[in-house]
PDB file of N, CA and C in Angstrom:
ATOM      1  N   MET A   1       0.462  -5.060 -35.274  1.00  0.00           N
ATOM      2  CA  MET A   1      -0.572  -6.038 -35.181  1.00  0.00           C
ATOM      3  C   MET A   1      -0.488  -6.877 -34.030  1.00  0.00           C
ATOM      4  N   ALA A   2       0.675  -7.121 -33.605  1.00  0.00           N
ATOM      5  CA  ALA A   2       0.972  -8.030 -32.421  1.00  0.00           C
ATOM      6  C   ALA A   2       0.371  -7.436 -31.158  1.00  0.00           C
ATOM      7  N   VAL A   3       0.479  -6.118 -31.007  1.00  0.00           N
ATOM      8  CA  VAL A   3       0.001  -5.537 -29.798  1.00  0.00           C
ATOM      9  C   VAL A   3      -1.632  -5.734 -29.699  1.00  0.00           C
ATOM     10  N   LYS A   4      -2.199  -5.616 -30.840  1.00  0.00           N
ATOM     11  CA  LYS A   4      -3.711  -5.779 -30.743  1.00  0.00           C
ATOM     12  C   LYS A   4      -4.122  -7.289 -30.454  1.00  0.00           C
ATOM     13  N   ASP A   5      -3.350  -8.177 -30.939  1.00  0.00           N
ATOM     14  CA  ASP A   5      -3.524  -9.493 -30.679  1.00  0.00           C
ATOM     15  C   ASP A   5      -3.282  -9.899 -29.059  1.00  0.00           C
ATOM     16  N   GLU A   6      -2.338  -9.214 -28.532  1.00  0.00           N
ATOM     17  CA  GLU A   6      -1.920  -9.392 -27.161  1.00  0.00           C
ATOM     18  C   GLU A   6      -3.060  -8.817 -26.257  1.00  0.00           C
ATOM     19  N   MET A   7      -3.461  -7.578 -26.664  1.00  0.00           N
ATOM     20  CA  MET A   7      -4.578  -7.032 -25.862  1.00  0.00           C
ATOM     21  C   MET A   7      -5.921  -7.655 -25.811  1.00  0.00           C
ATOM     22  N   LYS A   8      -6.165  -8.525 -26.765  1.00  0.00           N
ATOM     23  CA  LYS A   8      -7.285  -9.306 -26.861  1.00  0.00           C
ATOM     24  C   LYS A   8      -7.320 -10.429 -25.883  1.00  0.00           C
ATOM     25  N   GLN A   9      -6.026 -10.858 -25.521  1.00  0.00           N
ATOM     26  CA  GLN A   9      -5.715 -11.942 -24.573  1.00  0.00           C
ATOM     27  C   GLN A   9      -5.831 -11.486 -23.186  1.00  0.00           C
ATOM     28  N   VAL A  10      -5.786 -10.233 -22.962  1.00  0.00           N
ATOM     29  CA  VAL A  10      -5.689  -9.741 -21.670  1.00  0.00           C
ATOM     30  C   VAL A  10      -6.958  -9.901 -20.951  1.00  0.00           C
ATOM     31  N   SER A  11      -6.890 -10.414 -19.563  1.00  0.00           N
ATOM     32  CA  SER A  11      -7.999 -10.638 -18.698  1.00  0.00           C
ATOM     33  C   SER A  11      -8.174  -9.547 -17.702  1.00  0.00           C
ATOM     34  N   TRP A  12      -9.052  -8.593 -18.044  1.00  0.00           N
ATOM     35  CA  TRP A  12      -9.219  -7.503 -17.184  1.00  0.00           C
ATOM     36  C   TRP A  12     -10.207  -7.913 -15.962  1.00  0.00           C
ATOM     37  N   PRO A  13      -9.876  -7.351 -14.773  1.00  0.00           N
ATOM     38  CA  PRO A  13     -10.657  -7.701 -13.593  1.00  0.00           C
ATOM     39  C   PRO A  13     -12.089  -7.026 -13.755  1.00  0.00           C
ATOM     40  N   ASN A  14     -13.068  -7.639 -13.020  1.00  0.00           N
ATOM     41  CA  ASN A  14     -14.333  -7.000 -13.054  1.00  0.00           C
ATOM     42  C   ASN A  14     -14.549  -5.962 -11.918  1.00  0.00           C
ATOM     43  N   ALA A  15     -15.535  -5.322 -11.691  1.00  0.00           N
ATOM     44  CA  ALA A  15     -15.743  -4.123 -10.794  1.00  0.00           C
ATOM     45  C   ALA A  15     -15.539  -4.798  -9.392  1.00  0.00           C
ATOM     46  N   LYS A  16     -16.021  -5.954  -9.145  1.00  0.00           N
ATOM     47  CA  LYS A  16     -16.001  -6.457  -7.659  1.00  0.00           C
ATOM     48  C   LYS A  16     -14.535  -6.549  -7.324  1.00  0.00           C
ATOM     49  N   GLN A  17     -13.781  -7.260  -8.205  1.00  0.00           N
ATOM     50  CA  GLN A  17     -12.403  -7.610  -8.054  1.00  0.00           C
ATOM     51  C   GLN A  17     -11.620  -6.276  -7.862  1.00  0.00           C
ATOM     52  N   THR A  18     -11.858  -5.328  -8.638  1.00  0.00           N
ATOM     53  CA  THR A  18     -11.175  -4.103  -8.599  1.00  0.00           C
ATOM     54  C   THR A  18     -11.416  -3.419  -7.369  1.00  0.00           C
ATOM     55  N   ARG A  19     -12.724  -3.437  -6.837  1.00  0.00           N
ATOM     56  CA  ARG A  19     -13.019  -2.776  -5.437  1.00  0.00           C
ATOM     57  C   ARG A  19     -12.205  -3.485  -4.321  1.00  0.00           C
ATOM     58  N   LYS A  20     -12.194  -4.814  -4.446  1.00  0.00           N
ATOM     59  CA  LYS A  20     -11.498  -5.557  -3.470  1.00  0.00           C
ATOM     60  C   LYS A  20     -10.003  -5.268  -3.438  1.00  0.00           C
ATOM     61  N   ASP A  21      -9.381  -5.141  -4.695  1.00  0.00           N
ATOM     62  CA  ASP A  21      -7.913  -4.950  -4.737  1.00  0.00           C
ATOM     63  C   ASP A  21      -7.633  -3.494  -4.229  1.00  0.00           C
ATOM     64  N   VAL A  22      -8.438  -2.535  -4.485  1.00  0.00           N
ATOM     65  CA  VAL A  22      -8.461  -1.161  -4.036  1.00  0.00           C
ATOM     66  C   VAL A  22      -8.460  -1.079  -2.566  1.00  0.00           C
ATOM     67  N   SER A  23      -9.414  -1.805  -2.022  1.00  0.00           N
ATOM     68  CA  SER A  23      -9.599  -1.747  -0.521  1.00  0.00           C
ATOM     69  C   SER A  23      -8.411  -2.432   0.129  1.00  0.00           C
ATOM     70  N   SER A  24      -7.869  -3.464  -0.451  1.00  0.00           N
ATOM     71  CA  SER A  24      -6.707  -4.138   0.245  1.00  0.00           C
ATOM     72  C   SER A  24      -5.397  -3.172   0.137  1.00  0.00           C
ATOM     73  N   VAL A  25      -5.284  -2.477  -0.998  1.00  0.00           N
ATOM     74  CA  VAL A  25      -4.074  -1.560  -1.003  1.00  0.00           C
ATOM     75  C   VAL A  25      -4.319  -0.367  -0.159  1.00  0.00           C
ATOM     76  N   LEU A  26      -5.546   0.084   0.018  1.00  0.00           N
ATOM     77  CA  LEU A  26      -5.750   1.294   1.092  1.00  0.00           C
ATOM     78  C   LEU A  26      -5.475   0.876   2.503  1.00  0.00           C
ATOM     79  N   TRP A  27      -6.060  -0.342   2.805  1.00  0.00           N
ATOM     80  CA  TRP A  27      -5.808  -0.900   4.066  1.00  0.00           C
ATOM     81  C   TRP A  27      -4.368  -1.063   4.416  1.00  0.00           C
ATOM     82  N   LEU A  28      -3.634  -1.601   3.459  1.00  0.00           N
ATOM     83  CA  LEU A  28      -2.274  -1.748   3.673  1.00  0.00           C
ATOM     84  C   LEU A  28      -1.470  -0.392   3.733  1.00  0.00           C
ATOM     85  N   ALA A  29      -1.820   0.588   3.002  1.00  0.00           N
ATOM     86  CA  ALA A  29      -1.233   1.827   2.979  1.00  0.00           C
ATOM     87  C   ALA A  29      -1.485   2.652   4.412  1.00  0.00           C
ATOM     88  N   ILE A  30      -2.635   2.569   4.903  1.00  0.00           N
ATOM     89  CA  ILE A  30      -3.137   3.140   6.101  1.00  0.00           C
ATOM     90  C   ILE A  30      -2.425   2.424   7.235  1.00  0.00           C
ATOM     91  N   SER A  31      -2.303   1.118   7.222  1.00  0.00           N
ATOM     92  CA  SER A  31      -1.699   0.363   8.360  1.00  0.00           C
ATOM     93  C   SER A  31      -0.250   0.603   8.353  1.00  0.00           C
ATOM     94  N   MET A  32       0.467   0.663   7.218  1.00  0.00           N
ATOM     95  CA  MET A  32       1.912   1.109   7.208  1.00  0.00           C
ATOM     96  C   MET A  32       2.150   2.412   7.656  1.00  0.00           C
ATOM     97  N   ALA A  33       1.183   3.434   7.331  1.00  0.00           N
ATOM     98  CA  ALA A  33       1.319   4.875   7.751  1.00  0.00           C
ATOM     99  C   ALA A  33       1.264   4.875   9.311  1.00  0.00           C
ATOM    100  N   ILE A  34       0.361   4.246   9.883  1.00  0.00           N
ATOM    101  CA  ILE A  34       0.196   4.052  11.370  1.00  0.00           C
ATOM    102  C   ILE A  34       1.462   3.453  11.989  1.00  0.00           C
ATOM    103  N   PHE A  35       1.893   2.259  11.446  1.00  0.00           N
ATOM    104  CA  PHE A  35       2.981   1.599  12.000  1.00  0.00           C
ATOM    105  C   PHE A  35       4.259   2.473  11.936  1.00  0.00           C
ATOM    106  N   LEU A  36       4.507   3.046  10.756  1.00  0.00           N
ATOM    107  CA  LEU A  36       5.637   3.890  10.716  1.00  0.00           C
ATOM    108  C   LEU A  36       5.668   5.192  11.510  1.00  0.00           C
ATOM    109  N   GLY A  37       4.511   5.669  11.674  1.00  0.00           N
ATOM    110  CA  GLY A  37       4.297   6.850  12.540  1.00  0.00           C
ATOM    111  C   GLY A  37       4.599   6.417  13.911  1.00  0.00           C
ATOM    112  N   LEU A  38       4.122   5.330  14.325  1.00  0.00           N
ATOM    113  CA  LEU A  38       4.518   4.674  15.710  1.00  0.00           C
ATOM    114  C   LEU A  38       5.906   4.517  15.899  1.00  0.00           C
ATOM    115  N   VAL A  39       6.578   3.935  14.906  1.00  0.00           N
ATOM    116  CA  VAL A  39       7.972   3.671  15.106  1.00  0.00           C
ATOM    117  C   VAL A  39       8.676   4.992  15.157  1.00  0.00           C
ATOM    118  N   ASP A  40       8.417   5.961  14.378  1.00  0.00           N
ATOM    119  CA  ASP A  40       9.034   7.201  14.364  1.00  0.00           C
ATOM    120  C   ASP A  40       8.957   7.950  15.703  1.00  0.00           C
ATOM    121  N   TYR A  41       7.609   7.881  16.147  1.00  0.00           N
ATOM    122  CA  TYR A  41       7.551   8.504  17.606  1.00  0.00           C
ATOM    123  C   TYR A  41       8.368   7.864  18.560  1.00  0.00           C
ATOM    124  N   LEU A  42       8.405   6.373  18.616  1.00  0.00           N
ATOM    125  CA  LEU A  42       9.173   5.835  19.680  1.00  0.00           C
ATOM    126  C   LEU A  42      10.762   6.052  19.448  1.00  0.00           C
ATOM    127  N   VAL A  43      11.224   6.008  18.289  1.00  0.00           N
ATOM    128  CA  VAL A  43      12.528   6.471  18.151  1.00  0.00           C
ATOM    129  C   VAL A  43      12.918   7.824  18.565  1.00  0.00           C
ATOM    130  N   GLN A  44      12.005   8.748  18.154  1.00  0.00           N
ATOM    131  CA  GLN A  44      12.247  10.241  18.646  1.00  0.00           C
ATOM    132  C   GLN A  44      12.217  10.281  20.166  1.00  0.00           C
ATOM    133  N   ALA A  45      11.305   9.607  20.748  1.00  0.00           N
ATOM    134  CA  ALA A  45      11.282   9.519  22.228  1.00  0.00           C
ATOM    135  C   ALA A  45      12.411   8.992  22.860  1.00  0.00           C
ATOM    136  N   GLY A  46      12.888   7.894  22.240  1.00  0.00           N
ATOM    137  CA  GLY A  46      14.131   7.221  22.854  1.00  0.00           C
ATOM    138  C   GLY A  46      15.374   8.089  22.596  1.00  0.00           C
ATOM    139  N   LEU A  47      15.586   8.767  21.428  1.00  0.00           N
ATOM    140  CA  LEU A  47      16.556   9.701  21.168  1.00  0.00           C
ATOM    141  C   LEU A  47      16.510  10.812  22.215  1.00  0.00           C
ATOM    142  N   LYS A  48      15.418  11.352  22.473  1.00  0.00           N
ATOM    143  CA  LYS A  48      15.231  12.479  23.435  1.00  0.00           C
ATOM    144  C   LYS A  48      15.671  12.106  24.752  1.00  0.00           C
ATOM    145  N   ILE A  49      15.283  10.918  25.169  1.00  0.00           N
ATOM    146  CA  ILE A  49      15.794  10.326  26.484  1.00  0.00           C
ATOM    147  C   ILE A  49      17.365  10.211  26.518  1.00  0.00           C
ATOM    148  N   LEU A  50      17.898   9.720  25.473  1.00  0.00           N
ATOM    149  CA  LEU A  50      19.316   9.572  25.402  1.00  0.00           C
ATOM    150  C   LEU A  50      20.029  10.961  25.352  1.00  0.00           C
ATOM    151  N   ALA A  51      19.470  11.848  24.773  1.00  0.00           N
ATOM    152  CA  ALA A  51      20.042  13.192  24.740  1.00  0.00           C
ATOM    153  C   ALA A  51      20.070  13.845  26.095  1.00  0.00           C
ATOM    154  N   SER A  52      19.112  13.505  26.826  1.00  0.00           N
ATOM    155  CA  SER A  52      19.007  14.354  28.111  1.00  0.00           C
ATOM    156  C   SER A  52      19.731  13.801  29.275  1.00  0.00           C
TER     157      SER A  52
END
């Protein structure tokens, strides 16, 4: 019975807030992928220079 009472108190986000949150997460994920890809490329290029 306690679970039902707790679920009644949950405040679920509306569609607008959900879209905003999803777009923020996607933007962050894409930004991090680009950043990490760039760092990986630079480290790889640096190691290649050191190895030659």
